[in-house]
Amino acid sequence: MMVKNAYMKLYFVLMIFSWKNYLYEAIDVSAKNSLVWGPGLDARVTLPARYFFVQSVDRGHKNVTESPGEDAFHVRISTSSSARVRAWVQKLDRHDGSFIVRYRMFESYPDLTIEILHEGKHVAKSPYTLQGGVYHETCFCPESNTEIWEKAMKCPLQIPQIMKDLAPFGNIHLKELAKEAVKRFGTNHALCHYSVINNKVYRKTYGQHVGFAMFMDNLLLSLARKVVLPDMEFFVNLGDWPLVKQNSKPIPILSWCGSDDTLDIVMPTYDLTESTLETMGRVSLDMLSVQSNTGPKWDDKISKALWRGRDSREERLNLVMLARKKPQLYDAALTNFFFFKYDESKYGPKAEHMSFFDFFKWKYQINIDGTVAAYRFPYLLAGDALVLKQQSPYYEHFYKDLQGWHHYIPFKRDLSDLEEKLKWAMANDEKAQQIAKAAQEYTRNNLLSEHVFCYHWILFKEYAKRQDTQPVTHPGMELIKQPDDSDSKCRCLKKVRDEL
């Protein structure tokens, strides 16, 4: 009997395997018609992890809209200067007929050849040749011609949010700023004073909890390895809450989060920036990896609204209680208690940690503020789920681009209409899916690595224009050194200025 059961199990496994192969074989992918594009095919675009896209197209010139199988395409990277390329290559199946191919280099080369193959045939215009120097992330090889760098990165000429944030500061008086910022925010807040001189980064921190300066350090050092930064002095708020109230004397302070009642100059959050710098590095969640981990197909997702997180806002506690009353609509639980730890018996027990990628087993995602804006929002938008977002005075650098009912569904801050909005989504499934797709499309066009670098670059360039005096280093500032890259070959072919 046991032998018979074993044979039956083997039979079903083989049947499933054969059926999957049949489905993939039924997708008639054309190597010639398929499309390949992206910044990872341009030697001038140095990113921590370079990447490009492959779109499956059939013989009838129609885009394939489901996965042709993980092994539909094969990628080889080689160079004329070495027998092998020190690079980690990943293929990410987006399960919609397209793939992300990304590679993180650990050495620089004078050229690379990238071959993309389907069933032994070159795809699109493969092989692709990158020439003129292809540099890994820690190679110090900045482009001194900033226009060339901007063009290669496809940076926009202006970004409306940056121009709005800088509007109150026609002239930035650096000497006055250095005194006023420290006087107002240097004791009871976490603050960092930066000077960038000759593409070198110096800083001095103020306050007690200044560990988050490392995020800004890493961004500045990374950008300085790619392009020559303008000389500038600025202050970064290392805390959660924006600092400069609208009814106070305005001074330019850079923050990771803005609010309707403050004048802070908003940058991409430290979370989004760090995930950019550490793609294929220390982090597993980034704006590329989330695209290949979007859970089951839309119709197979759990038709409830999911939320997990810590107790950093009262509405989060209220949502947990709401979920207990209506478990048919919500799956909400706290994963950590800090702010309301004495109420754990009421709002607990703590739920086990859930992988962010598992969130997308659910069709609806609830986004509620934490201490400020919830920094998970861009990742939620990138997944294949409908996001319901709490109305909030807090915002990240890209929020003003978004439209309620087009990229997400808004609900009131006190959650009073959340159930109504969720039931609308459940009753209008096709429209809900369209909103989710619009959100995905926005993130793919606006929140990837090159967009994060471009945003910072344009902000620094516009800020530097407004300085009224030449930036200098100040007593107590320390030089933040570039990382040691002695175990890799940099081979910078550009003319780097002597003073760098």
Protein backbone atom coordinates (compact mmCIF):
# COMPACT_ATOMS: atom_id res chain seq x y z
CA MET A 1 0.00 0.00 0.00
CA MET A 2 2.84 2.39 0.90
CA VAL A 3 4.59 1.63 -2.41
CA LYS A 4 1.35 2.29 -4.29
CA ASN A 5 0.89 5.66 -2.52
CA ALA A 6 4.47 6.61 -3.34
CA TYR A 7 3.89 5.84 -7.03
CA MET A 8 0.67 7.86 -6.97
CA LYS A 9 2.47 10.88 -5.46
CA LEU A 10 5.23 10.60 -8.06
CA TYR A 11 2.60 10.37 -10.81
CA PHE A 12 0.87 13.57 -9.68
CA VAL A 13 4.20 15.43 -9.37
CA LEU A 14 5.13 14.42 -12.92
CA MET A 15 1.68 15.42 -14.17
CA ILE A 16 1.98 18.88 -12.58
CA PHE A 17 5.51 19.30 -13.96
CA SER A 18 4.37 18.24 -17.44
CA TRP A 19 1.38 20.59 -17.29
CA LYS A 20 3.60 23.54 -16.32
CA ASN A 21 5.97 22.72 -19.18
CA TYR A 22 3.01 22.50 -21.55
CA LEU A 23 1.82 25.94 -20.48
CA TYR A 24 5.26 27.48 -20.97
CA GLU A 25 5.72 25.76 -24.34
CA ALA A 26 2.31 27.08 -25.42
CA ILE A 27 3.64 30.64 -25.01
CA ASP A 28 5.22 31.27 -28.38
CA VAL A 29 8.06 33.65 -27.50
CA SER A 30 10.02 35.15 -30.38
CA ALA A 31 13.65 35.98 -29.61
CA LYS A 32 13.76 38.44 -32.51
CA ASN A 33 10.55 40.28 -31.60
CA SER A 34 11.14 40.46 -27.85
CA LEU A 35 12.25 43.78 -26.39
CA VAL A 36 15.25 44.71 -24.25
CA TRP A 37 15.85 48.13 -22.70
CA GLY A 38 17.05 49.87 -19.55
CA PRO A 39 19.91 51.78 -17.92
CA GLY A 40 21.96 48.63 -17.35
CA LEU A 41 22.79 48.63 -21.06
CA ASP A 42 24.46 52.07 -20.88
CA ALA A 43 28.04 52.16 -19.60
CA ARG A 44 27.63 55.79 -18.52
CA VAL A 45 24.93 54.92 -15.96
CA THR A 46 26.68 53.67 -12.84
CA LEU A 47 24.24 52.26 -10.31
CA PRO A 48 24.84 50.08 -7.24
CA ALA A 49 23.04 47.32 -9.12
CA ARG A 50 22.70 47.87 -12.86
CA TYR A 51 19.53 46.53 -14.44
CA PHE A 52 17.54 46.23 -17.64
CA PHE A 53 14.20 44.81 -18.74
CA VAL A 54 13.23 42.01 -21.10
CA GLN A 55 9.69 41.92 -22.50
CA SER A 56 8.56 38.66 -24.09
CA VAL A 57 6.89 39.19 -27.46
CA ASP A 58 5.32 36.42 -29.53
CA ARG A 59 5.71 35.73 -33.24
CA GLY A 60 2.65 37.84 -33.94
CA HIS A 61 4.37 40.90 -32.40
CA LYS A 62 2.08 40.86 -29.35
CA ASN A 63 3.42 41.29 -25.83
CA VAL A 64 3.25 38.11 -23.77
CA THR A 65 1.23 38.89 -20.63
CA GLU A 66 2.06 35.89 -18.45
CA SER A 67 5.29 34.28 -17.40
CA PRO A 68 6.95 32.20 -20.14
CA GLY A 69 8.89 30.42 -17.38
CA GLU A 70 11.85 31.36 -15.21
CA ASP A 71 14.32 29.91 -17.71
CA ALA A 72 12.86 31.52 -20.83
CA PHE A 73 15.89 33.81 -21.11
CA HIS A 74 19.55 33.27 -20.35
CA VAL A 75 22.05 36.05 -19.73
CA ARG A 76 25.83 35.98 -20.13
CA ILE A 77 28.17 38.86 -19.26
CA SER A 78 31.76 38.89 -20.48
CA THR A 79 34.62 41.31 -21.08
CA SER A 80 37.55 41.50 -23.47
CA SER A 81 39.95 42.25 -20.61
CA SER A 82 39.45 39.17 -18.45
CA ALA A 83 38.42 35.54 -18.54
CA ARG A 84 35.52 36.22 -16.20
CA VAL A 85 33.49 39.14 -14.91
CA ARG A 86 33.18 39.59 -11.15
CA ALA A 87 29.45 40.25 -11.00
CA TRP A 88 26.36 38.74 -9.44
CA VAL A 89 23.52 38.40 -11.95
CA GLN A 90 19.84 37.94 -11.06
CA LYS A 91 16.77 37.42 -13.22
CA LEU A 92 13.51 38.59 -11.67
CA ASP A 93 10.32 37.25 -13.24
CA ARG A 94 7.56 39.89 -13.00
CA HIS A 95 4.99 37.22 -13.98
CA ASP A 96 3.47 39.48 -16.64
CA GLY A 97 5.66 38.41 -19.54
CA SER A 98 8.53 40.68 -18.55
CA PHE A 99 11.74 40.21 -16.58
CA ILE A 100 14.20 42.39 -14.72
CA VAL A 101 17.82 41.40 -15.20
CA ARG A 102 20.10 43.03 -12.67
CA TYR A 103 23.78 42.66 -11.95
CA ARG A 104 26.00 44.02 -9.20
CA MET A 105 29.64 44.41 -10.20
CA PHE A 106 32.58 43.98 -7.85
CA GLU A 107 35.24 45.22 -10.25
CA SER A 108 35.43 47.71 -13.12
CA TYR A 109 36.14 46.85 -16.74
CA PRO A 110 36.99 48.79 -19.92
CA ASP A 111 34.05 47.09 -21.62
CA LEU A 112 31.28 44.54 -21.14
CA THR A 113 29.32 42.36 -23.54
CA ILE A 114 25.83 41.31 -22.46
CA GLU A 115 24.22 38.40 -24.30
CA ILE A 116 20.52 37.66 -23.84
CA LEU A 117 19.38 34.37 -25.30
CA HIS A 118 16.09 32.53 -25.79
CA GLU A 119 16.44 28.89 -26.82
CA GLY A 120 19.96 29.62 -27.99
CA LYS A 121 18.97 32.61 -30.13
CA HIS A 122 19.94 36.21 -29.43
CA VAL A 123 17.07 38.34 -28.12
CA ALA A 124 16.28 41.70 -29.75
CA LYS A 125 19.63 43.41 -30.52
CA SER A 126 21.74 41.11 -28.36
CA PRO A 127 24.68 41.08 -27.84
CA TYR A 128 24.89 44.53 -26.24
CA THR A 129 28.32 46.13 -25.86
CA LEU A 130 29.14 48.64 -23.13
CA GLN A 131 32.34 50.57 -23.81
CA GLY A 132 34.35 53.45 -22.41
CA GLY A 133 34.64 52.11 -18.87
CA VAL A 134 32.04 50.19 -16.88
CA TYR A 135 32.47 50.99 -13.19
CA HIS A 136 31.38 49.16 -10.07
CA GLU A 137 29.66 50.98 -7.21
CA THR A 138 32.69 51.71 -5.03
CA CYS A 139 34.93 52.86 -7.88
CA PHE A 140 35.74 56.56 -7.50
CA CYS A 141 35.35 57.85 -11.05
CA PRO A 142 33.13 60.96 -11.06
CA GLU A 143 31.97 62.62 -14.27
CA SER A 144 33.14 66.25 -14.23
CA ASN A 145 30.83 67.25 -17.09
CA THR A 146 27.56 67.28 -15.20
CA GLU A 147 25.48 67.74 -18.35
CA ILE A 148 26.81 64.46 -19.74
CA TRP A 149 25.91 62.69 -16.49
CA GLU A 150 22.43 64.23 -16.35
CA LYS A 151 21.73 63.23 -19.94
CA ALA A 152 22.91 59.66 -19.42
CA MET A 153 20.79 59.35 -16.27
CA LYS A 154 17.82 60.98 -18.05
CA CYS A 155 17.33 63.36 -15.15
CA PRO A 156 14.50 65.88 -15.65
CA LEU A 157 15.39 69.56 -15.93
CA GLN A 158 13.31 70.38 -12.87
CA ILE A 159 11.23 68.59 -10.26
CA PRO A 160 8.14 70.51 -9.06
CA GLN A 161 8.44 69.35 -5.44
CA ILE A 162 12.01 70.61 -5.25
CA MET A 163 11.13 73.99 -6.75
CA LYS A 164 8.21 74.33 -4.33
CA ASP A 165 10.38 73.43 -1.33
CA LEU A 166 13.13 75.89 -2.33
CA ALA A 167 10.74 78.74 -3.21
CA PRO A 168 10.99 80.39 0.26
CA PHE A 169 14.78 80.49 -0.04
CA GLY A 170 15.75 82.80 -2.88
CA ASN A 171 19.11 83.43 -1.23
CA ILE A 172 20.58 81.04 1.30
CA HIS A 173 22.80 82.97 3.70
CA LEU A 174 25.26 80.29 4.76
CA LYS A 175 26.81 82.11 7.73
CA GLU A 176 23.41 82.96 9.16
CA LEU A 177 22.16 79.41 8.49
CA ALA A 178 25.12 77.87 10.34
CA LYS A 179 24.26 79.86 13.47
CA GLU A 180 20.46 79.73 13.31
CA ALA A 181 20.11 76.00 12.60
CA VAL A 182 22.33 75.00 15.51
CA LYS A 183 20.67 77.52 17.83
CA ARG A 184 17.14 76.30 17.07
CA PHE A 185 17.60 72.59 16.47
CA GLY A 186 21.10 71.61 17.59
CA THR A 187 20.31 70.58 21.17
CA ASN A 188 16.91 68.91 21.37
CA HIS A 189 16.91 67.39 17.90
CA ALA A 190 19.24 65.27 15.78
CA LEU A 191 20.95 67.47 13.21
CA CYS A 192 23.89 67.17 10.84
CA HIS A 193 25.81 70.02 9.23
CA TYR A 194 27.39 69.01 5.91
CA SER A 195 29.96 70.77 3.76
CA VAL A 196 30.84 69.39 0.34
CA ILE A 197 34.07 70.95 -0.92
CA ASN A 198 35.91 69.74 -4.05
CA ASN A 199 33.68 66.67 -4.11
CA LYS A 200 34.73 65.65 -0.60
CA VAL A 201 32.20 65.29 2.21
CA TYR A 202 32.63 66.81 5.67
CA ARG A 203 30.15 66.83 8.52
CA LYS A 204 29.46 67.65 12.16
CA THR A 205 26.52 66.25 14.11
CA TYR A 206 24.44 67.88 16.84
CA GLY A 207 22.17 66.20 19.37
CA GLN A 208 22.17 62.74 20.91
CA HIS A 209 20.63 60.31 18.43
CA VAL A 210 22.66 61.00 15.29
CA GLY A 211 23.25 57.47 14.00
CA PHE A 212 21.05 58.08 10.97
CA ALA A 213 23.76 60.38 9.59
CA MET A 214 25.20 57.22 8.02
CA PHE A 215 22.34 57.15 5.51
CA MET A 216 23.13 60.65 4.28
CA ASP A 217 26.87 59.90 4.37
CA ASN A 218 26.40 56.88 2.14
CA LEU A 219 24.24 58.75 -0.36
CA LEU A 220 26.66 61.67 -0.67
CA LEU A 221 29.69 59.40 -1.04
CA SER A 222 27.93 57.28 -3.65
CA LEU A 223 26.84 60.30 -5.67
CA ALA A 224 30.33 61.84 -5.40
CA ARG A 225 31.78 58.70 -7.00
CA LYS A 226 29.51 59.17 -10.01
CA VAL A 227 29.45 62.92 -10.65
CA VAL A 228 31.30 65.96 -9.28
CA LEU A 229 29.01 67.51 -6.68
CA PRO A 230 28.67 71.29 -6.37
CA ASP A 231 30.34 72.93 -3.39
CA MET A 232 27.61 73.39 -0.80
CA GLU A 233 26.70 73.61 2.87
CA PHE A 234 23.44 72.32 4.26
CA PHE A 235 21.76 70.89 7.35
CA VAL A 236 19.97 67.54 7.47
CA ASN A 237 17.31 66.69 10.02
CA LEU A 238 18.14 63.17 11.23
CA GLY A 239 14.87 62.73 13.13
CA ASP A 240 11.40 61.66 12.09
CA TRP A 241 9.41 64.87 12.37
CA PRO A 242 9.90 67.90 10.08
CA LEU A 243 11.32 70.86 12.02
CA VAL A 244 10.68 74.26 10.43
CA LYS A 245 7.15 75.40 11.30
CA GLN A 246 5.42 77.65 8.79
CA ASN A 247 4.80 80.34 11.41
CA SER A 248 8.50 80.51 12.31
CA LYS A 249 11.43 82.19 10.59
CA PRO A 250 12.14 79.99 7.55
CA ILE A 251 15.56 78.37 7.27
CA PRO A 252 16.45 75.60 4.80
CA ILE A 253 16.57 72.20 6.53
CA LEU A 254 16.63 68.98 4.51
CA SER A 255 14.36 66.23 5.84
CA TRP A 256 13.23 62.76 4.81
CA CYS A 257 9.60 63.62 5.47
CA GLY A 258 7.56 66.77 4.91
CA SER A 259 4.29 67.99 6.35
CA ASP A 260 1.60 70.50 5.45
CA ASP A 261 2.52 72.79 8.37
CA THR A 262 6.32 72.86 7.90
CA LEU A 263 8.84 74.23 5.39
CA ASP A 264 11.39 71.42 5.44
CA ILE A 265 12.99 70.56 2.09
CA VAL A 266 12.06 66.96 1.33
CA MET A 267 14.45 64.26 0.10
CA PRO A 268 13.78 60.60 -0.71
CA THR A 269 13.52 58.77 2.61
CA TYR A 270 16.54 57.10 4.15
CA ASP A 271 14.70 53.79 3.67
CA LEU A 272 14.20 54.20 -0.08
CA THR A 273 17.71 55.61 -0.50
CA GLU A 274 19.33 52.80 1.47
CA SER A 275 17.43 50.17 -0.50
CA THR A 276 18.78 51.84 -3.66
CA LEU A 277 22.37 51.81 -2.43
CA GLU A 278 22.13 48.27 -1.07
CA THR A 279 20.23 46.60 -3.93
CA MET A 280 21.67 43.08 -4.20
CA GLY A 281 23.60 43.96 -1.05
CA ARG A 282 22.47 44.13 2.58
CA VAL A 283 18.76 44.51 1.84
CA SER A 284 16.30 42.07 0.29
CA LEU A 285 13.42 44.53 -0.15
CA ASP A 286 13.95 47.12 -2.86
CA MET A 287 11.95 48.63 -5.70
CA LEU A 288 13.11 45.93 -8.11
CA SER A 289 12.80 42.83 -5.93
CA VAL A 290 9.24 43.72 -4.93
CA GLN A 291 8.21 43.63 -8.59
CA SER A 292 8.92 39.91 -8.80
CA ASN A 293 7.28 39.05 -5.49
CA THR A 294 3.73 40.28 -5.98
CA GLY A 295 1.97 37.14 -4.80
CA PRO A 296 -0.78 35.16 -6.54
CA LYS A 297 -2.68 36.41 -9.56
CA TRP A 298 -5.30 39.06 -8.81
CA ASP A 299 -8.27 36.68 -8.79
CA ASP A 300 -6.45 34.25 -6.49
CA LYS A 301 -5.54 36.76 -3.79
CA ILE A 302 -7.22 36.80 -0.37
CA SER A 303 -10.09 39.27 -0.59
CA LYS A 304 -9.37 41.09 2.66
CA ALA A 305 -7.42 44.20 3.65
CA LEU A 306 -4.07 43.45 5.29
CA TRP A 307 -2.03 45.49 7.74
CA ARG A 308 0.97 44.66 9.91
CA GLY A 309 3.21 47.03 11.86
CA ARG A 310 4.19 48.48 15.20
CA ASP A 311 2.12 50.60 17.58
CA SER A 312 3.44 54.01 16.49
CA ARG A 313 0.05 55.69 16.02
CA GLU A 314 -3.32 55.42 17.76
CA GLU A 315 -5.17 54.75 14.50
CA ARG A 316 -3.10 51.59 14.12
CA LEU A 317 -4.50 50.36 17.43
CA ASN A 318 -8.00 51.29 16.30
CA LEU A 319 -7.51 49.30 13.11
CA VAL A 320 -6.57 46.22 15.12
CA MET A 321 -9.79 46.53 17.13
CA LEU A 322 -11.76 47.07 13.93
CA ALA A 323 -10.29 43.88 12.47
CA ARG A 324 -11.41 41.91 15.50
CA LYS A 325 -14.96 43.11 15.02
CA LYS A 326 -14.98 42.44 11.27
CA PRO A 327 -12.50 39.68 10.46
CA GLN A 328 -14.30 39.04 7.18
CA LEU A 329 -12.97 42.42 5.95
CA TYR A 330 -9.63 42.94 7.69
CA ASP A 331 -6.52 41.05 8.73
CA ALA A 332 -4.69 43.53 10.96
CA ALA A 333 -2.27 42.91 13.82
CA LEU A 334 0.60 44.57 15.67
CA THR A 335 4.06 43.06 15.38
CA ASN A 336 5.75 45.14 18.08
CA PHE A 337 4.82 47.26 21.09
CA PHE A 338 6.85 50.33 22.04
CA PHE A 339 4.66 53.43 22.33
CA PHE A 340 1.71 51.61 23.92
CA LYS A 341 3.53 48.69 25.53
CA TYR A 342 1.35 48.83 28.64
CA ASP A 343 -1.70 48.14 26.45
CA GLU A 344 -0.34 44.94 24.94
CA SER A 345 -2.90 42.87 26.84
CA LYS A 346 -5.64 44.85 25.10
CA TYR A 347 -4.26 45.08 21.57
CA GLY A 348 -2.03 42.01 21.54
CA PRO A 349 -0.79 39.43 21.38
CA LYS A 350 1.96 40.39 18.97
CA ALA A 351 1.67 38.78 15.57
CA GLU A 352 4.61 36.88 14.14
CA HIS A 353 6.79 38.71 11.67
CA MET A 354 5.54 38.40 8.09
CA SER A 355 7.77 38.74 5.06
CA PHE A 356 6.85 41.88 3.15
CA PHE A 357 6.57 39.83 -0.02
CA ASP A 358 3.84 37.75 1.65
CA PHE A 359 1.74 40.90 2.04
CA PHE A 360 0.72 40.53 -1.59
CA LYS A 361 -1.16 37.33 -0.95
CA TRP A 362 -3.88 39.81 0.07
CA LYS A 363 -5.68 41.91 -2.54
CA TYR A 364 -5.97 45.08 -0.42
CA GLN A 365 -3.22 46.85 1.55
CA ILE A 366 -3.86 49.46 4.24
CA ASN A 367 -1.30 52.25 4.61
CA ILE A 368 -1.49 54.13 7.93
CA ASP A 369 0.99 56.71 9.21
CA GLY A 370 3.52 55.72 11.84
CA THR A 371 5.28 58.48 13.72
CA VAL A 372 5.21 60.31 10.38
CA ALA A 373 4.50 59.01 6.87
CA ALA A 374 4.71 55.22 6.60
CA TYR A 375 7.84 54.59 4.55
CA ARG A 376 6.50 51.28 3.25
CA PHE A 377 4.18 53.17 0.90
CA PRO A 378 6.36 53.04 -2.28
CA TYR A 379 6.81 49.28 -1.88
CA LEU A 380 3.08 48.76 -1.41
CA LEU A 381 2.38 50.73 -4.58
CA ALA A 382 4.85 48.58 -6.50
CA GLY A 383 3.09 45.34 -5.56
CA ASP A 384 0.10 43.86 -7.30
CA ALA A 385 -2.47 45.01 -4.73
CA LEU A 386 -4.82 47.92 -4.18
CA VAL A 387 -3.54 50.39 -1.58
CA LEU A 388 -5.96 52.18 0.71
CA LYS A 389 -4.12 55.19 2.13
CA GLN A 390 -4.95 57.20 5.23
CA GLN A 391 -5.30 60.94 4.63
CA SER A 392 -2.28 62.59 6.21
CA PRO A 393 -0.46 65.89 6.66
CA TYR A 394 2.83 64.01 6.17
CA TYR A 395 4.35 63.24 2.80
CA GLU A 396 7.38 61.76 1.08
CA HIS A 397 9.12 63.39 -1.86
CA PHE A 398 6.82 61.83 -4.48
CA TYR A 399 3.37 62.06 -2.84
CA LYS A 400 2.33 65.21 -4.70
CA ASP A 401 2.61 63.28 -7.99
CA LEU A 402 -0.07 60.83 -6.91
CA GLN A 403 -3.82 61.12 -7.28
CA GLY A 404 -6.40 59.54 -5.02
CA TRP A 405 -8.71 57.14 -6.89
CA HIS A 406 -6.09 56.81 -9.63
CA HIS A 407 -3.05 55.45 -7.76
CA TYR A 408 -4.69 54.56 -4.43
CA ILE A 409 -7.96 54.90 -2.53
CA PRO A 410 -7.92 57.55 0.21
CA PHE A 411 -9.74 57.18 3.52
CA LYS A 412 -10.25 59.57 6.42
CA ARG A 413 -7.63 59.98 9.09
CA ASP A 414 -9.94 58.64 11.82
CA LEU A 415 -10.74 55.51 9.73
CA SER A 416 -14.45 56.39 9.81
CA ASP A 417 -14.97 55.65 6.10
CA LEU A 418 -12.40 52.87 5.69
CA GLU A 419 -15.04 50.14 5.61
CA GLU A 420 -17.05 52.05 3.01
CA LYS A 421 -13.98 52.46 0.77
CA LEU A 422 -12.97 48.82 1.17
CA LYS A 423 -16.46 47.59 0.29
CA TRP A 424 -16.45 49.85 -2.76
CA ALA A 425 -13.23 48.20 -3.92
CA MET A 426 -14.68 44.74 -3.35
CA ALA A 427 -17.79 45.64 -5.35
CA ASN A 428 -15.77 47.25 -8.18
CA ASP A 429 -13.05 44.68 -8.72
CA GLU A 430 -12.09 45.71 -12.25
CA LYS A 431 -11.67 49.36 -11.29
CA ALA A 432 -9.74 48.36 -8.17
CA GLN A 433 -7.32 46.37 -10.29
CA GLN A 434 -6.89 49.31 -12.67
CA ILE A 435 -5.92 51.53 -9.73
CA ALA A 436 -3.42 48.94 -8.53
CA LYS A 437 -1.90 48.74 -12.03
CA ALA A 438 -1.63 52.54 -12.27
CA ALA A 439 0.26 52.56 -8.97
CA GLN A 440 2.62 49.86 -10.22
CA GLU A 441 3.25 51.79 -13.42
CA TYR A 442 4.01 54.97 -11.49
CA THR A 443 6.64 53.29 -9.31
CA ARG A 444 8.29 51.66 -12.32
CA ASN A 445 8.67 55.04 -14.02
CA ASN A 446 9.50 57.25 -11.04
CA LEU A 447 10.91 55.42 -8.00
CA LEU A 448 13.78 53.29 -9.26
CA SER A 449 17.49 53.75 -8.57
CA GLU A 450 18.23 56.37 -11.21
CA HIS A 451 15.24 58.42 -10.08
CA VAL A 452 16.51 58.48 -6.49
CA PHE A 453 19.95 59.67 -7.62
CA CYS A 454 18.46 62.26 -9.98
CA TYR A 455 16.22 63.68 -7.27
CA HIS A 456 19.14 64.21 -4.91
CA TRP A 457 21.31 65.64 -7.69
CA ILE A 458 18.73 68.18 -8.84
CA LEU A 459 18.02 69.17 -5.24
CA PHE A 460 21.73 69.76 -4.55
CA LYS A 461 22.23 71.63 -7.81
CA GLU A 462 19.27 73.94 -7.23
CA TYR A 463 20.21 74.45 -3.58
CA ALA A 464 23.81 75.34 -4.50
CA LYS A 465 22.61 78.03 -6.92
CA ARG A 466 20.97 79.86 -4.03
CA GLN A 467 24.00 80.04 -1.73
CA ASP A 468 25.19 83.61 -1.20
CA THR A 469 28.81 82.80 -0.26
CA GLN A 470 31.41 80.14 -0.97
CA PRO A 471 30.85 77.07 1.23
CA VAL A 472 33.62 76.23 3.70
CA THR A 473 34.44 73.56 6.24
CA HIS A 474 33.81 74.46 9.87
CA PRO A 475 35.67 73.68 13.10
CA GLY A 476 34.79 70.25 14.40
CA MET A 477 33.82 68.84 11.01
CA GLU A 478 35.24 65.45 10.07
CA LEU A 479 36.05 64.16 6.61
CA ILE A 480 33.84 61.24 5.62
CA LYS A 481 36.16 59.03 3.63
CA GLN A 482 35.25 57.01 0.59
CA PRO A 483 35.15 53.24 1.27
CA ASP A 484 38.33 51.24 0.83
CA ASP A 485 38.26 49.73 -2.64
CA SER A 486 41.75 48.24 -2.63
CA ASP A 487 40.53 44.69 -3.25
CA SER A 488 38.91 45.68 -6.55
CA LYS A 489 40.23 47.14 -9.78
CA CYS A 490 38.73 50.55 -10.46
CA ARG A 491 40.41 51.43 -13.79
CA CYS A 492 38.90 54.92 -14.06
CA LEU A 493 39.26 56.09 -17.66
CA LYS A 494 37.81 59.56 -17.05
CA LYS A 495 39.86 62.67 -16.41
CA VAL A 496 39.29 63.25 -12.70
CA ARG A 497 40.23 66.75 -11.55
CA ASP A 498 43.55 66.89 -9.70
CA GLU A 499 42.01 68.43 -6.59
CA LEU A 500 39.71 65.42 -6.21
